[in-house]
């Protein structure tokens, strides 16, 4: 009987995680899930407000060559660095809906960080 309860709890938890990651607005994708803005892109939503940054080092998976779009709402200047191959740097200014699009061409671990805030926003596991 205990295993039935554990199995039921696992199924319920899985359903909550999946439903919690869904976004009704494709342009405001959940940063924790990496929900796609279109069928091919991985979208990461970032918010910088009053010295606070979210998300904080969320782990996401993608594949080589898949477009990745970081959508930033910020109240401060910063620089977004992508430590992959190729590397990318994007200037962030105060404003909403800033979109930065790139691809990664070599499999591995790629960090997306904010330079001035000294925060890792996301770590991507890029598969070949």
N, C-alpha and C. Protein backbone atom coordinates (compact mmCIF):
# COMPACT_ATOMS: atom_id res chain seq x y z
N UNK A 1 0.82 -1.19 0.00
CA UNK A 1 0.00 0.00 0.00
C UNK A 1 0.87 1.26 0.00
N UNK A 2 1.99 1.23 0.75
CA UNK A 2 2.87 2.40 0.80
C UNK A 2 3.44 2.71 -0.57
N UNK A 3 3.73 1.67 -1.37
CA UNK A 3 4.29 1.94 -2.70
C UNK A 3 3.24 2.58 -3.62
N UNK A 4 1.98 2.25 -3.44
CA UNK A 4 0.91 2.89 -4.20
C UNK A 4 0.86 4.39 -3.87
N UNK A 5 0.97 4.71 -2.58
CA UNK A 5 0.97 6.12 -2.18
C UNK A 5 2.17 6.86 -2.74
N UNK A 6 3.35 6.22 -2.70
CA UNK A 6 4.55 6.86 -3.26
C UNK A 6 4.40 7.09 -4.75
N UNK A 7 3.88 6.09 -5.46
CA UNK A 7 3.68 6.21 -6.91
C UNK A 7 2.68 7.33 -7.21
N UNK A 8 1.60 7.39 -6.46
CA UNK A 8 0.61 8.45 -6.65
C UNK A 8 1.19 9.83 -6.39
N UNK A 9 2.00 9.94 -5.33
CA UNK A 9 2.63 11.23 -5.01
C UNK A 9 3.58 11.64 -6.12
N UNK A 10 4.32 10.67 -6.69
CA UNK A 10 5.25 10.97 -7.78
C UNK A 10 4.50 11.46 -9.01
N UNK A 11 3.41 10.79 -9.35
CA UNK A 11 2.60 11.21 -10.50
C UNK A 11 2.03 12.61 -10.27
N UNK A 12 1.52 12.87 -9.08
CA UNK A 12 0.97 14.19 -8.76
C UNK A 12 2.04 15.26 -8.84
N UNK A 13 3.20 15.00 -8.26
CA UNK A 13 4.30 15.95 -8.29
C UNK A 13 4.74 16.23 -9.73
N UNK A 14 4.84 15.19 -10.55
CA UNK A 14 5.22 15.37 -11.95
C UNK A 14 4.22 16.26 -12.68
N UNK A 15 2.94 16.04 -12.42
CA UNK A 15 1.91 16.88 -13.04
C UNK A 15 2.01 18.33 -12.62
N UNK A 16 2.30 18.56 -11.34
CA UNK A 16 2.45 19.94 -10.86
C UNK A 16 3.65 20.62 -11.49
N UNK A 17 4.75 19.89 -11.62
CA UNK A 17 5.95 20.48 -12.23
C UNK A 17 5.67 20.84 -13.68
N UNK A 18 5.05 19.94 -14.43
CA UNK A 18 4.75 20.21 -15.84
C UNK A 18 3.78 21.36 -15.97
N UNK A 19 2.71 21.38 -15.19
CA UNK A 19 1.73 22.46 -15.31
C UNK A 19 2.30 23.77 -14.81
N UNK A 20 3.18 23.74 -13.82
CA UNK A 20 3.79 24.96 -13.32
C UNK A 20 4.76 25.57 -14.30
N UNK A 21 5.31 24.77 -15.21
CA UNK A 21 6.27 25.28 -16.19
C UNK A 21 5.60 25.82 -17.43
N UNK A 22 4.32 25.57 -17.60
CA UNK A 22 3.64 26.04 -18.80
C UNK A 22 3.42 27.54 -18.73
N UNK A 23 3.41 28.17 -19.89
CA UNK A 23 3.20 29.62 -19.96
C UNK A 23 2.09 29.89 -20.97
N UNK A 24 1.13 30.69 -20.59
CA UNK A 24 0.04 30.99 -21.51
C UNK A 24 0.46 32.02 -22.54
N UNK A 25 1.49 32.81 -22.27
CA UNK A 25 1.98 33.81 -23.20
C UNK A 25 3.35 33.39 -23.70
N UNK A 26 3.50 33.03 -24.99
CA UNK A 26 4.76 32.53 -25.46
C UNK A 26 5.88 33.55 -25.38
N UNK A 27 5.57 34.84 -25.32
CA UNK A 27 6.61 35.85 -25.23
C UNK A 27 7.11 36.03 -23.80
N UNK A 28 6.38 35.50 -22.81
CA UNK A 28 6.83 35.60 -21.42
C UNK A 28 7.07 34.19 -20.93
N UNK A 29 8.02 33.53 -21.54
CA UNK A 29 8.29 32.14 -21.23
C UNK A 29 8.84 32.00 -19.82
N UNK A 30 8.54 30.88 -19.24
CA UNK A 30 9.04 30.59 -17.90
C UNK A 30 10.54 30.33 -17.97
N UNK A 31 11.30 31.09 -17.22
CA UNK A 31 12.74 30.91 -17.25
C UNK A 31 13.14 29.57 -16.65
N UNK A 32 12.37 29.07 -15.73
CA UNK A 32 12.74 27.80 -15.12
C UNK A 32 12.54 26.65 -16.09
N UNK A 33 11.61 26.75 -16.99
CA UNK A 33 11.36 25.65 -17.91
C UNK A 33 12.06 25.83 -19.24
N UNK A 34 12.43 27.06 -19.57
CA UNK A 34 13.01 27.29 -20.88
C UNK A 34 11.99 27.08 -21.96
N UNK A 35 10.76 27.44 -21.73
CA UNK A 35 9.68 27.27 -22.68
C UNK A 35 10.00 27.98 -23.99
N UNK A 36 9.69 27.37 -25.09
CA UNK A 36 10.01 27.94 -26.39
C UNK A 36 9.05 29.05 -26.76
N UNK A 37 9.59 30.15 -27.30
CA UNK A 37 8.78 31.25 -27.82
C UNK A 37 8.20 30.87 -29.16
N UNK A 38 8.94 30.10 -29.96
CA UNK A 38 8.42 29.47 -31.15
C UNK A 38 8.80 28.00 -31.04
N UNK A 39 8.47 27.20 -32.03
CA UNK A 39 8.68 25.77 -31.89
C UNK A 39 10.15 25.37 -31.86
N UNK A 40 11.04 26.25 -32.27
CA UNK A 40 12.45 25.89 -32.33
C UNK A 40 13.31 26.57 -31.27
N UNK A 41 12.94 27.73 -30.80
CA UNK A 41 13.78 28.51 -29.90
C UNK A 41 13.63 28.08 -28.44
N UNK A 42 14.72 28.18 -27.71
CA UNK A 42 14.70 28.06 -26.26
C UNK A 42 14.68 29.49 -25.73
N UNK A 43 13.67 29.85 -24.94
CA UNK A 43 13.54 31.21 -24.43
C UNK A 43 13.81 31.21 -22.92
N UNK A 44 14.68 32.14 -22.51
CA UNK A 44 15.00 32.31 -21.10
C UNK A 44 14.60 33.73 -20.71
N UNK A 45 13.64 33.87 -19.80
CA UNK A 45 13.18 35.19 -19.34
C UNK A 45 14.00 35.59 -18.12
N UNK A 46 14.56 36.81 -18.17
CA UNK A 46 15.41 37.31 -17.09
C UNK A 46 14.85 38.63 -16.59
N UNK A 47 14.87 38.80 -15.28
CA UNK A 47 14.40 40.05 -14.67
C UNK A 47 15.48 40.58 -13.74
N UNK A 48 15.83 41.85 -13.95
CA UNK A 48 16.77 42.55 -13.08
C UNK A 48 15.99 43.71 -12.48
N UNK A 49 15.82 43.71 -11.15
CA UNK A 49 15.04 44.76 -10.49
C UNK A 49 15.57 45.02 -9.09
N UNK A 50 15.88 46.27 -8.81
CA UNK A 50 16.32 46.70 -7.48
C UNK A 50 17.50 45.86 -6.96
N UNK A 51 18.43 45.54 -7.85
CA UNK A 51 19.61 44.78 -7.46
C UNK A 51 19.41 43.28 -7.37
N UNK A 52 18.21 42.82 -7.64
CA UNK A 52 17.89 41.40 -7.59
C UNK A 52 17.80 40.84 -9.01
N UNK A 53 18.26 39.61 -9.20
CA UNK A 53 18.24 38.97 -10.52
C UNK A 53 17.51 37.64 -10.42
N UNK A 54 16.63 37.39 -11.37
CA UNK A 54 16.01 36.07 -11.47
C UNK A 54 15.92 35.68 -12.93
N UNK A 55 16.12 34.43 -13.27
CA UNK A 55 16.39 33.33 -12.36
C UNK A 55 17.84 33.34 -11.89
N UNK A 56 18.13 32.45 -10.96
CA UNK A 56 19.49 32.31 -10.43
C UNK A 56 20.00 30.92 -10.81
N UNK A 57 20.85 30.87 -11.80
CA UNK A 57 21.52 29.65 -12.28
C UNK A 57 20.56 28.50 -12.51
N UNK A 58 19.51 28.77 -13.28
CA UNK A 58 18.59 27.71 -13.69
C UNK A 58 19.33 26.78 -14.66
N UNK A 59 19.06 25.49 -14.59
CA UNK A 59 19.71 24.50 -15.46
C UNK A 59 18.74 24.12 -16.58
N UNK A 60 19.20 24.25 -17.83
CA UNK A 60 18.38 23.96 -18.98
C UNK A 60 19.15 23.10 -19.97
N UNK A 61 18.44 22.36 -20.79
CA UNK A 61 19.07 21.55 -21.83
C UNK A 61 18.63 22.03 -23.19
N UNK A 62 19.55 21.96 -24.15
CA UNK A 62 19.26 22.34 -25.53
C UNK A 62 20.18 21.54 -26.44
N UNK A 63 20.16 21.84 -27.72
CA UNK A 63 21.01 21.13 -28.67
C UNK A 63 21.82 22.11 -29.50
N UNK A 64 22.89 21.64 -30.06
CA UNK A 64 23.75 22.46 -30.92
C UNK A 64 22.92 23.05 -32.05
N UNK A 65 23.12 24.34 -32.30
CA UNK A 65 22.45 25.02 -33.41
C UNK A 65 21.04 25.50 -33.13
N UNK A 66 20.46 25.13 -32.01
CA UNK A 66 19.10 25.57 -31.67
C UNK A 66 19.15 27.03 -31.25
N UNK A 67 18.31 27.88 -31.82
CA UNK A 67 18.30 29.28 -31.39
C UNK A 67 17.91 29.41 -29.92
N UNK A 68 18.64 30.26 -29.23
CA UNK A 68 18.37 30.55 -27.82
C UNK A 68 18.09 32.05 -27.75
N UNK A 69 17.02 32.40 -27.08
CA UNK A 69 16.63 33.80 -26.95
C UNK A 69 16.51 34.14 -25.47
N UNK A 70 17.26 35.16 -25.06
CA UNK A 70 17.17 35.65 -23.69
C UNK A 70 16.36 36.94 -23.74
N UNK A 71 15.27 36.97 -23.00
CA UNK A 71 14.39 38.15 -22.95
C UNK A 71 14.59 38.80 -21.59
N UNK A 72 15.02 40.07 -21.60
CA UNK A 72 15.41 40.74 -20.37
C UNK A 72 14.52 41.93 -20.07
N UNK A 73 14.03 42.00 -18.84
CA UNK A 73 13.39 43.19 -18.27
C UNK A 73 14.36 43.69 -17.21
N UNK A 74 14.82 44.93 -17.34
CA UNK A 74 15.84 45.42 -16.43
C UNK A 74 15.60 46.86 -16.03
N UNK A 75 16.00 47.18 -14.80
CA UNK A 75 15.95 48.56 -14.34
C UNK A 75 17.36 49.16 -14.25
N UNK A 76 18.37 48.43 -14.81
CA UNK A 76 19.75 48.89 -14.72
C UNK A 76 20.54 48.45 -15.96
N UNK A 77 21.64 49.15 -16.23
CA UNK A 77 22.57 48.73 -17.27
C UNK A 77 23.33 47.50 -16.80
N UNK A 78 23.67 46.61 -17.73
CA UNK A 78 24.50 45.45 -17.43
C UNK A 78 25.00 44.89 -18.75
N UNK A 79 25.76 43.82 -18.68
CA UNK A 79 26.21 43.09 -19.86
C UNK A 79 25.86 41.62 -19.66
N UNK A 80 25.29 41.03 -20.69
CA UNK A 80 24.97 39.63 -20.67
C UNK A 80 26.08 38.90 -21.41
N UNK A 81 26.73 37.95 -20.75
CA UNK A 81 27.80 37.17 -21.37
C UNK A 81 27.34 35.73 -21.56
N UNK A 82 27.63 35.19 -22.74
CA UNK A 82 27.37 33.78 -23.03
C UNK A 82 28.72 33.12 -23.20
N UNK A 83 29.06 32.22 -22.28
CA UNK A 83 30.36 31.56 -22.30
C UNK A 83 30.24 30.21 -23.00
N UNK A 84 30.11 30.28 -24.32
CA UNK A 84 30.01 29.09 -25.15
C UNK A 84 30.85 29.30 -26.38
N UNK A 85 30.69 28.41 -27.35
CA UNK A 85 31.38 28.55 -28.62
C UNK A 85 30.33 28.67 -29.70
N UNK A 86 30.23 29.87 -30.32
CA UNK A 86 31.03 31.07 -30.04
C UNK A 86 30.52 31.80 -28.79
N UNK A 87 31.38 32.67 -28.24
CA UNK A 87 30.98 33.50 -27.10
C UNK A 87 30.20 34.70 -27.62
N UNK A 88 29.33 35.23 -26.76
CA UNK A 88 28.52 36.40 -27.11
C UNK A 88 28.48 37.35 -25.94
N UNK A 89 28.40 38.65 -26.24
CA UNK A 89 28.21 39.69 -25.23
C UNK A 89 27.13 40.62 -25.74
N UNK A 90 26.15 40.92 -24.87
CA UNK A 90 25.05 41.80 -25.23
C UNK A 90 24.92 42.90 -24.17
N UNK A 91 24.74 44.15 -24.62
CA UNK A 91 24.55 45.28 -23.71
C UNK A 91 23.09 45.34 -23.28
N UNK A 92 22.86 45.42 -21.98
CA UNK A 92 21.52 45.55 -21.41
C UNK A 92 21.35 46.99 -20.94
N UNK A 93 20.22 47.57 -21.29
CA UNK A 93 19.87 48.91 -20.83
C UNK A 93 18.57 48.81 -20.05
N UNK A 94 18.25 49.82 -19.25
CA UNK A 94 16.96 49.78 -18.55
C UNK A 94 15.81 49.72 -19.57
N UNK A 95 14.90 48.81 -19.35
CA UNK A 95 13.75 48.66 -20.25
C UNK A 95 13.22 47.25 -20.20
N UNK A 96 12.07 47.06 -20.80
CA UNK A 96 11.40 45.76 -20.81
C UNK A 96 11.47 45.13 -22.19
N UNK A 97 11.48 43.81 -22.22
CA UNK A 97 11.38 43.07 -23.46
C UNK A 97 12.59 43.11 -24.37
N UNK A 98 13.77 43.32 -23.82
CA UNK A 98 14.99 43.30 -24.64
C UNK A 98 15.28 41.86 -25.02
N UNK A 99 15.49 41.62 -26.31
CA UNK A 99 15.66 40.25 -26.82
C UNK A 99 17.06 40.08 -27.40
N UNK A 100 17.72 39.01 -26.94
CA UNK A 100 19.06 38.68 -27.42
C UNK A 100 19.04 37.24 -27.89
N UNK A 101 19.38 37.04 -29.17
CA UNK A 101 19.28 35.72 -29.79
C UNK A 101 20.66 35.24 -30.21
N UNK A 102 20.93 33.96 -29.97
CA UNK A 102 22.21 33.37 -30.35
C UNK A 102 22.07 31.86 -30.48
N UNK A 103 23.11 31.23 -31.00
CA UNK A 103 23.18 29.77 -31.05
C UNK A 103 24.53 29.35 -30.46
N UNK A 104 24.60 28.10 -30.07
CA UNK A 104 25.84 27.51 -29.58
C UNK A 104 26.18 26.39 -30.56
N UNK A 105 27.43 26.37 -31.02
CA UNK A 105 27.82 25.43 -32.07
C UNK A 105 28.66 24.25 -31.58
N UNK A 106 29.02 24.24 -30.29
CA UNK A 106 29.84 23.15 -29.75
C UNK A 106 29.15 22.60 -28.50
N UNK A 107 28.96 21.28 -28.43
CA UNK A 107 28.31 20.69 -27.26
C UNK A 107 29.11 20.96 -25.99
N UNK A 108 28.41 20.98 -24.87
CA UNK A 108 29.06 21.17 -23.58
C UNK A 108 28.22 22.02 -22.65
N UNK A 109 28.86 22.50 -21.62
CA UNK A 109 28.19 23.34 -20.62
C UNK A 109 28.43 24.80 -20.96
N UNK A 110 27.36 25.59 -21.01
CA UNK A 110 27.44 27.01 -21.37
C UNK A 110 26.76 27.83 -20.27
N UNK A 111 27.51 28.80 -19.74
CA UNK A 111 26.95 29.67 -18.72
C UNK A 111 26.51 30.99 -19.34
N UNK A 112 25.35 31.46 -18.90
CA UNK A 112 24.85 32.78 -19.27
C UNK A 112 24.88 33.60 -18.00
N UNK A 113 25.66 34.68 -18.01
CA UNK A 113 25.83 35.45 -16.77
C UNK A 113 25.68 36.94 -17.02
N UNK A 114 25.38 37.64 -15.95
CA UNK A 114 25.33 39.10 -15.95
C UNK A 114 26.64 39.61 -15.36
N UNK A 115 27.36 40.41 -16.13
CA UNK A 115 28.69 40.85 -15.74
C UNK A 115 28.67 41.76 -14.52
N UNK A 116 27.92 42.86 -14.56
CA UNK A 116 27.92 43.82 -13.45
C UNK A 116 27.26 43.26 -12.20
N UNK A 117 26.20 42.51 -12.36
CA UNK A 117 25.50 41.91 -11.22
C UNK A 117 26.26 40.71 -10.66
N UNK A 118 27.21 40.19 -11.44
CA UNK A 118 28.01 39.02 -11.03
C UNK A 118 27.12 37.84 -10.65
N UNK A 119 26.18 37.56 -11.55
CA UNK A 119 25.24 36.46 -11.32
C UNK A 119 25.19 35.56 -12.56
N UNK A 120 25.14 34.27 -12.32
CA UNK A 120 24.87 33.33 -13.41
C UNK A 120 23.35 33.19 -13.48
N UNK A 121 22.81 33.47 -14.66
CA UNK A 121 21.37 33.41 -14.88
C UNK A 121 20.96 31.99 -15.22
N UNK A 122 21.72 31.36 -16.11
CA UNK A 122 21.38 30.00 -16.56
C UNK A 122 22.65 29.25 -16.93
N UNK A 123 22.60 27.94 -16.75
CA UNK A 123 23.63 27.06 -17.25
C UNK A 123 22.95 26.10 -18.21
N UNK A 124 23.43 26.10 -19.46
CA UNK A 124 22.86 25.26 -20.50
C UNK A 124 23.70 24.02 -20.68
N UNK A 125 23.07 22.88 -20.78
CA UNK A 125 23.73 21.66 -21.19
C UNK A 125 23.40 21.50 -22.67
N UNK A 126 24.39 21.73 -23.51
CA UNK A 126 24.19 21.71 -24.96
C UNK A 126 24.63 20.35 -25.49
N UNK A 127 23.71 19.64 -26.08
CA UNK A 127 23.99 18.30 -26.62
C UNK A 127 24.21 18.38 -28.13
N UNK A 128 25.05 17.49 -28.62
CA UNK A 128 25.39 17.44 -30.04
C UNK A 128 24.33 16.84 -30.89
